C-alpha atoms as a PDB file:
ATOM      1  CA  MET A   1     -10.589 -37.818  15.084  1.00  0.00           C
ATOM      2  CA  ARG A   2     -12.821 -34.835  15.665  1.00  0.00           C
ATOM      3  CA  TYR A   3     -13.991 -34.062  18.919  1.00  0.00           C
ATOM      4  CA  GLN A   4     -16.936 -31.806  19.985  1.00  0.00           C
ATOM      5  CA  GLY A   5     -16.963 -29.068  22.571  1.00  0.00           C
ATOM      6  CA  LYS A   6     -17.958 -25.550  23.766  1.00  0.00           C
ATOM      7  CA  ILE A   7     -16.023 -22.128  23.365  1.00  0.00           C
ATOM      8  CA  THR A   8     -15.564 -21.375  26.932  1.00  0.00           C
ATOM      9  CA  ASP A   9     -13.116 -18.450  26.730  1.00  0.00           C
ATOM     10  CA  TRP A  10     -12.722 -15.998  23.747  1.00  0.00           C
ATOM     11  CA  LYS A  11     -10.616 -13.146  23.543  1.00  0.00           C
ATOM     12  CA  ASP A  12     -11.808 -11.343  20.378  1.00  0.00           C
ATOM     13  CA  ASP A  13      -9.386  -8.375  20.175  1.00  0.00           C
ATOM     14  CA  ARG A  14      -6.574 -11.012  20.319  1.00  0.00           C
ATOM     15  CA  GLY A  15      -8.185 -13.725  18.209  1.00  0.00           C
ATOM     16  CA  PHE A  16      -7.827 -16.640  20.556  1.00  0.00           C
ATOM     17  CA  GLY A  17      -9.533 -18.484  23.172  1.00  0.00           C
ATOM     18  CA  PHE A  18     -10.245 -22.011  24.713  1.00  0.00           C
ATOM     19  CA  ILE A  19     -12.623 -24.878  23.763  1.00  0.00           C
ATOM     20  CA  THR A  20     -13.616 -27.343  26.510  1.00  0.00           C
ATOM     21  CA  GLN A  21     -13.972 -30.694  25.313  1.00  0.00           C
ATOM     22  CA  ASN A  22     -17.542 -32.267  26.083  1.00  0.00           C
ATOM     23  CA  SER A  23     -16.332 -35.676  27.115  1.00  0.00           C
ATOM     24  CA  SER A  24     -13.367 -34.837  29.403  1.00  0.00           C
ATOM     25  CA  ASN A  25     -13.696 -31.074  30.375  1.00  0.00           C
ATOM     26  CA  THR A  26     -10.225 -30.939  28.879  1.00  0.00           C
ATOM     27  CA  LYS A  27      -9.285 -27.148  27.793  1.00  0.00           C
ATOM     28  CA  VAL A  28      -7.750 -26.858  24.179  1.00  0.00           C
ATOM     29  CA  PHE A  29      -6.294 -23.812  22.647  1.00  0.00           C
ATOM     30  CA  VAL A  30      -7.901 -22.226  19.655  1.00  0.00           C
ATOM     31  CA  HIS A  31      -6.895 -19.601  17.350  1.00  0.00           C
ATOM     32  CA  ILE A  32      -9.083 -17.630  14.913  1.00  0.00           C
ATOM     33  CA  SER A  33      -7.204 -19.173  11.798  1.00  0.00           C
ATOM     34  CA  ALA A  34      -8.555 -22.376  12.745  1.00  0.00           C
ATOM     35  CA  PHE A  35     -11.943 -21.313  11.798  1.00  0.00           C
ATOM     36  CA  ALA A  36     -12.707 -21.308   8.131  1.00  0.00           C
ATOM     37  CA  ARG A  37     -12.976 -17.849   6.223  1.00  0.00           C
ATOM     38  CA  GLY A  38     -16.602 -16.535   6.079  1.00  0.00           C
ATOM     39  CA  GLN A  39     -17.781 -18.222   9.080  1.00  0.00           C
ATOM     40  CA  LYS A  40     -19.228 -15.872  12.249  1.00  0.00           C
ATOM     41  CA  ARG A  41     -16.810 -14.674  14.848  1.00  0.00           C
ATOM     42  CA  PRO A  42     -16.448 -17.152  17.678  1.00  0.00           C
ATOM     43  CA  ALA A  43     -18.210 -16.412  20.779  1.00  0.00           C
ATOM     44  CA  VAL A  44     -18.317 -17.983  24.271  1.00  0.00           C
ATOM     45  CA  ASN A  45     -20.752 -20.742  24.731  1.00  0.00           C
ATOM     46  CA  GLU A  46     -21.079 -21.882  20.828  1.00  0.00           C
ATOM     47  CA  LEU A  47     -20.675 -25.591  20.298  1.00  0.00           C
ATOM     48  CA  VAL A  48     -18.151 -26.675  17.916  1.00  0.00           C
ATOM     49  CA  THR A  49     -16.208 -29.544  16.332  1.00  0.00           C
ATOM     50  CA  TYR A  50     -12.668 -29.624  15.976  1.00  0.00           C
ATOM     51  CA  GLU A  51      -9.607 -31.681  15.221  1.00  0.00           C
ATOM     52  CA  CYS A  52      -6.978 -31.622  17.753  1.00  0.00           C
ATOM     53  CA  ILE A  53      -3.164 -31.276  16.917  1.00  0.00           C
ATOM     54  CA  LYS A  54      -0.167 -30.999  18.699  1.00  0.00           C
ATOM     55  CA  ASP A  55       1.979 -27.864  18.639  1.00  0.00           C
ATOM     56  CA  GLU A  56       5.324 -27.126  19.817  1.00  0.00           C
ATOM     57  CA  LYS A  57       4.628 -23.989  21.750  1.00  0.00           C
ATOM     58  CA  ARG A  58       1.168 -24.329  22.957  1.00  0.00           C
ATOM     59  CA  GLY A  59       0.535 -28.062  23.274  1.00  0.00           C
ATOM     60  CA  PHE A  60      -2.458 -29.398  22.081  1.00  0.00           C
ATOM     61  CA  CYS A  61      -4.557 -26.943  19.738  1.00  0.00           C
ATOM     62  CA  ALA A  62      -8.024 -27.022  17.967  1.00  0.00           C
ATOM     63  CA  ALA A  63      -7.819 -27.057  14.210  1.00  0.00           C
ATOM     64  CA  ASP A  64     -10.589 -27.105  11.342  1.00  0.00           C
ATOM     65  CA  VAL A  65     -13.301 -25.820  13.812  1.00  0.00           C
ATOM     66  CA  GLN A  66     -16.650 -25.905  12.620  1.00  0.00           C
ATOM     67  CA  TYR A  67     -19.896 -24.803  14.304  1.00  0.00           C
ATOM     68  CA  VAL A  68     -22.384 -27.430  15.348  1.00  0.00           C
ATOM     69  CA  GLN A  69     -26.037 -26.634  14.148  1.00  0.00           C
ATOM     70  CA  THR A  70     -28.859 -27.502  16.179  1.00  0.00           C
ATOM     71  CA  ALA A  71     -32.506 -27.384  15.530  1.00  0.00           C
ATOM     72  CA  ASN A  72     -32.892 -24.133  17.493  1.00  0.00           C
ATOM     73  CA  GLN A  73     -30.031 -22.631  15.697  1.00  0.00           C
ATOM     74  CA  PRO A  74     -30.386 -22.822  11.888  1.00  0.00           C
ATOM     75  CA  HIS A  75     -27.412 -22.237   9.715  1.00  0.00           C
ATOM     76  CA  LYS A  76     -27.158 -18.735   8.385  1.00  0.00           C
ATOM     77  CA  PRO A  77     -24.467 -17.455   5.888  1.00  0.00           C
ATOM     78  CA  ALA A  78     -21.706 -15.358   7.190  1.00  0.00           C
ATOM     79  CA  ARG A  79     -22.346 -11.959   6.869  1.00  0.00           C
ATOM     80  CA  GLY A  80     -19.464 -10.977   4.842  1.00  0.00           C
ATOM     81  CA  ALA A  81     -20.094 -13.499   2.164  1.00  0.00           C
ATOM     82  CA  TYR A  82     -23.927 -12.554   1.838  1.00  0.00           C
ATOM     83  CA  ALA A  83     -23.133  -9.044   1.625  1.00  0.00           C
ATOM     84  CA  LYS A  84     -20.697  -9.825  -1.253  1.00  0.00           C
ATOM     85  CA  LYS A  85     -23.044 -11.774  -3.087  1.00  0.00           C
ATOM     86  CA  GLN A  86     -25.591  -9.187  -2.779  1.00  0.00           C
ATOM     87  CA  GLY A  87     -23.365  -6.388  -3.763  1.00  0.00           C
ATOM     88  CA  GLN A  88     -21.840  -8.025  -6.924  1.00  0.00           C
ATOM     89  CA  GLY A  89     -25.469  -8.040  -8.551  1.00  0.00           C
ATOM     90  CA  ILE A  90     -25.903  -4.163  -8.177  1.00  0.00           C
ATOM     91  CA  LEU A  91     -22.225  -2.725  -7.996  1.00  0.00           C
ATOM     92  CA  THR A  92     -21.114  -4.659 -11.410  1.00  0.00           C
ATOM     93  CA  PRO A  93     -23.980  -3.033 -13.688  1.00  0.00           C
ATOM     94  CA  LEU A  94     -23.686   0.184 -11.937  1.00  0.00           C
ATOM     95  CA  ILE A  95     -19.752   0.327 -12.610  1.00  0.00           C
ATOM     96  CA  ALA A  96     -20.684  -0.658 -16.443  1.00  0.00           C
ATOM     97  CA  ALA A  97     -23.173   2.074 -16.551  1.00  0.00           C
ATOM     98  CA  LEU A  98     -20.746   4.730 -15.034  1.00  0.00           C
ATOM     99  CA  LEU A  99     -18.134   3.761 -17.451  1.00  0.00           C
ATOM    100  CA  ALA A 100     -20.478   3.812 -20.487  1.00  0.00           C
ATOM    101  CA  VAL A 101     -21.679   7.491 -19.513  1.00  0.00           C
ATOM    102  CA  GLY A 102     -18.086   8.675 -18.769  1.00  0.00           C
ATOM    103  CA  GLY A 103     -17.065   7.118 -22.263  1.00  0.00           C
ATOM    104  CA  GLY A 104     -19.879   8.998 -23.908  1.00  0.00           C
ATOM    105  CA  VAL A 105     -19.273  12.219 -22.494  1.00  0.00           C
ATOM    106  CA  TYR A 106     -15.669  11.918 -23.380  1.00  0.00           C
ATOM    107  CA  ALA A 107     -16.290  11.142 -27.039  1.00  0.00           C
ATOM    108  CA  TRP A 108     -18.962  13.949 -27.245  1.00  0.00           C
ATOM    109  CA  GLN A 109     -16.501  16.521 -25.903  1.00  0.00           C
ATOM    110  CA  ASN A 110     -13.847  15.363 -28.351  1.00  0.00           C
ATOM    111  CA  ALA A 111     -15.983  15.292 -31.082  1.00  0.00           C
ATOM    112  CA  THR A 112     -17.353  18.617 -30.552  1.00  0.00           C
ATOM    113  CA  SER A 113     -14.131  20.286 -30.014  1.00  0.00           C
ATOM    114  CA  THR A 114     -12.445  18.686 -32.963  1.00  0.00           C
ATOM    115  CA  ALA A 115     -15.416  19.333 -35.364  1.00  0.00           C
ATOM    116  CA  SER A 116     -15.335  23.176 -34.310  1.00  0.00           C
ATOM    117  CA  GLY A 117     -11.681  23.289 -35.349  1.00  0.00           C
ATOM    118  CA  SER A 118     -10.643  25.556 -32.269  1.00  0.00           C
ATOM    119  CA  TYR A 119      -8.414  24.112 -29.555  1.00  0.00           C
ATOM    120  CA  PRO A 120      -8.956  26.406 -26.672  1.00  0.00           C
ATOM    121  CA  VAL A 121      -6.799  26.008 -23.392  1.00  0.00           C
ATOM    122  CA  THR A 122      -9.146  24.550 -20.915  1.00  0.00           C
ATOM    123  CA  GLU A 123      -8.571  23.526 -17.110  1.00  0.00           C
ATOM    124  CA  SER A 124     -11.046  20.965 -15.747  1.00  0.00           C
ATOM    125  CA  VAL A 125     -10.554  18.795 -12.787  1.00  0.00           C
ATOM    126  CA  GLY A 126      -6.922  19.038 -13.156  1.00  0.00           C
ATOM    127  CA  ILE A 127      -6.689  17.998 -16.846  1.00  0.00           C
ATOM    128  CA  GLN A 128      -5.319  20.703 -19.106  1.00  0.00           C
ATOM    129  CA  ARG A 129      -5.845  20.537 -23.006  1.00  0.00           C
ATOM    130  CA  LEU A 130      -2.792  22.167 -24.558  1.00  0.00           C
ATOM    131  CA  ALA A 131      -3.403  24.709 -27.174  1.00  0.00           C
ATOM    132  CA  GLU A 132      -1.927  24.450 -30.836  1.00  0.00           C
ATOM    133  CA  PRO A 133       0.260  27.433 -31.518  1.00  0.00           C
ATOM    134  CA  LEU A 134      -1.291  30.236 -33.495  1.00  0.00           C
ATOM    135  CA  ALA A 135       0.320  31.536 -36.586  1.00  0.00           C
ATOM    136  CA  PRO A 136       1.756  34.802 -35.876  1.00  0.00           C
ATOM    137  CA  THR A 137       0.275  38.043 -37.578  1.00  0.00           C
ATOM    138  CA  SER A 138       1.614  41.388 -37.558  1.00  0.00           C
ATOM    139  CA  ASN A 139      -0.659  42.660 -34.846  1.00  0.00           C
ATOM    140  CA  THR A 140      -1.275  39.596 -32.795  1.00  0.00           C
ATOM    141  CA  PRO A 141       1.442  37.866 -30.694  1.00  0.00           C
ATOM    142  CA  ALA A 142       1.688  33.946 -31.176  1.00  0.00           C
ATOM    143  CA  PHE A 143       1.318  33.142 -27.397  1.00  0.00           C
ATOM    144  CA  GLN A 144      -0.024  34.827 -24.274  1.00  0.00           C
ATOM    145  CA  CYS A 145       1.072  34.368 -20.725  1.00  0.00           C
ATOM    146  CA  GLN A 146      -1.310  32.023 -18.995  1.00  0.00           C
ATOM    147  CA  GLY A 147       0.542  31.285 -15.731  1.00  0.00           C
ATOM    148  CA  LYS A 148       2.510  28.192 -17.362  1.00  0.00           C
ATOM    149  CA  GLN A 149       6.047  27.930 -15.717  1.00  0.00           C
ATOM    150  CA  PHE A 150       7.470  24.641 -16.693  1.00  0.00           C
ATOM    151  CA  CYS A 151       8.725  22.953 -19.528  1.00  0.00           C
ATOM    152  CA  SER A 152       6.086  20.105 -19.176  1.00  0.00           C
ATOM    153  CA  GLN A 153       3.515  22.879 -19.820  1.00  0.00           C
ATOM    154  CA  MET A 154       4.622  24.000 -23.332  1.00  0.00           C
ATOM    155  CA  THR A 155       3.885  22.736 -26.715  1.00  0.00           C
ATOM    156  CA  SER A 156       6.895  23.744 -28.692  1.00  0.00           C
ATOM    157  CA  CYS A 157      10.072  25.452 -28.468  1.00  0.00           C
ATOM    158  CA  ALA A 158       8.692  28.825 -29.684  1.00  0.00           C
ATOM    159  CA  GLU A 159       6.155  28.774 -26.902  1.00  0.00           C
ATOM    160  CA  ALA A 160       8.915  28.148 -24.469  1.00  0.00           C
ATOM    161  CA  THR A 161      11.104  30.882 -25.598  1.00  0.00           C
ATOM    162  CA  TYR A 162       7.967  33.413 -25.853  1.00  0.00           C
ATOM    163  CA  TYR A 163       7.331  32.573 -22.006  1.00  0.00           C
ATOM    164  CA  GLN A 164      10.816  32.918 -21.062  1.00  0.00           C
ATOM    165  CA  LYS A 165      11.216  36.246 -22.566  1.00  0.00           C
ATOM    166  CA  ASN A 166       7.623  37.727 -21.586  1.00  0.00           C
ATOM    167  CA  CYS A 167       6.251  36.219 -18.751  1.00  0.00           C
ATOM    168  CA  PRO A 168       7.220  35.977 -15.084  1.00  0.00           C
ATOM    169  CA  ASP A 169       7.999  33.223 -12.738  1.00  0.00           C
ATOM    170  CA  THR A 170       9.232  30.681 -15.409  1.00  0.00           C
ATOM    171  CA  GLU A 171      11.666  27.742 -14.622  1.00  0.00           C
ATOM    172  CA  MET A 172      12.450  26.490 -17.910  1.00  0.00           C
ATOM    173  CA  ASP A 173      16.357  27.414 -18.201  1.00  0.00           C
ATOM    174  CA  GLY A 174      18.260  25.103 -15.662  1.00  0.00           C
ATOM    175  CA  ASP A 175      21.679  25.859 -16.891  1.00  0.00           C
ATOM    176  CA  ASN A 176      20.954  29.709 -17.358  1.00  0.00           C
ATOM    177  CA  ASP A 177      22.201  29.623 -20.922  1.00  0.00           C
ATOM    178  CA  GLY A 178      19.094  31.521 -22.363  1.00  0.00           C
ATOM    179  CA  VAL A 179      17.749  28.621 -23.972  1.00  0.00           C
ATOM    180  CA  PRO A 180      14.548  27.055 -22.428  1.00  0.00           C
ATOM    181  CA  CYS A 181      13.465  23.432 -22.383  1.00  0.00           C
ATOM    182  CA  GLU A 182      16.733  21.988 -23.845  1.00  0.00           C
ATOM    183  CA  SER A 183      16.127  18.711 -23.062  1.00  0.00           C
ATOM    184  CA  GLN A 184      12.396  18.657 -24.039  1.00  0.00           C
ATOM    185  CA  TRP A 185      11.836  21.162 -26.905  1.00  0.00           C
ATOM    186  CA  CYS A 186      14.715  23.307 -27.704  1.00  0.00           C
ATOM    187  CA  GLY A 187      17.462  20.846 -27.638  1.00  0.00           C
END
């Protein structure tokens, strides 16, 4: 059976209050969970309908609470629900456009670097493209010290060995046996 009443006490910070029944002036406990999702927040003096259930801890409680619409008070959709519907129309195409642009830029960068045949070491926004080892010539060393310290930054055993012998502050020989990156490159 549904009853009608008015919210006479509401503690919004704690999410509960009381409804006073119209016909008997009986107060009934109401928790925020008794209101449907998407409805506006409860407030004092709002007219509501509800079902009454018996709770072992609190006695009689309101359940399935709904606002009463009057001629003076037209129904407005909940603010959160309205905002979600509005945002979905704009947000989805915007995300799709950003993904398309990002994919195009990525493809263009990879196509230009592959077409040119060079693979420079670059650092951009924390991403590092690793260089292919150069073939050693009589005058040019195969590698150069560029601040790499760890095995995960190396591309080959030859590079790891070069860094360990020629570059400062490397941490690639955990067991100090002279062989770098044994579990990744030189094992």
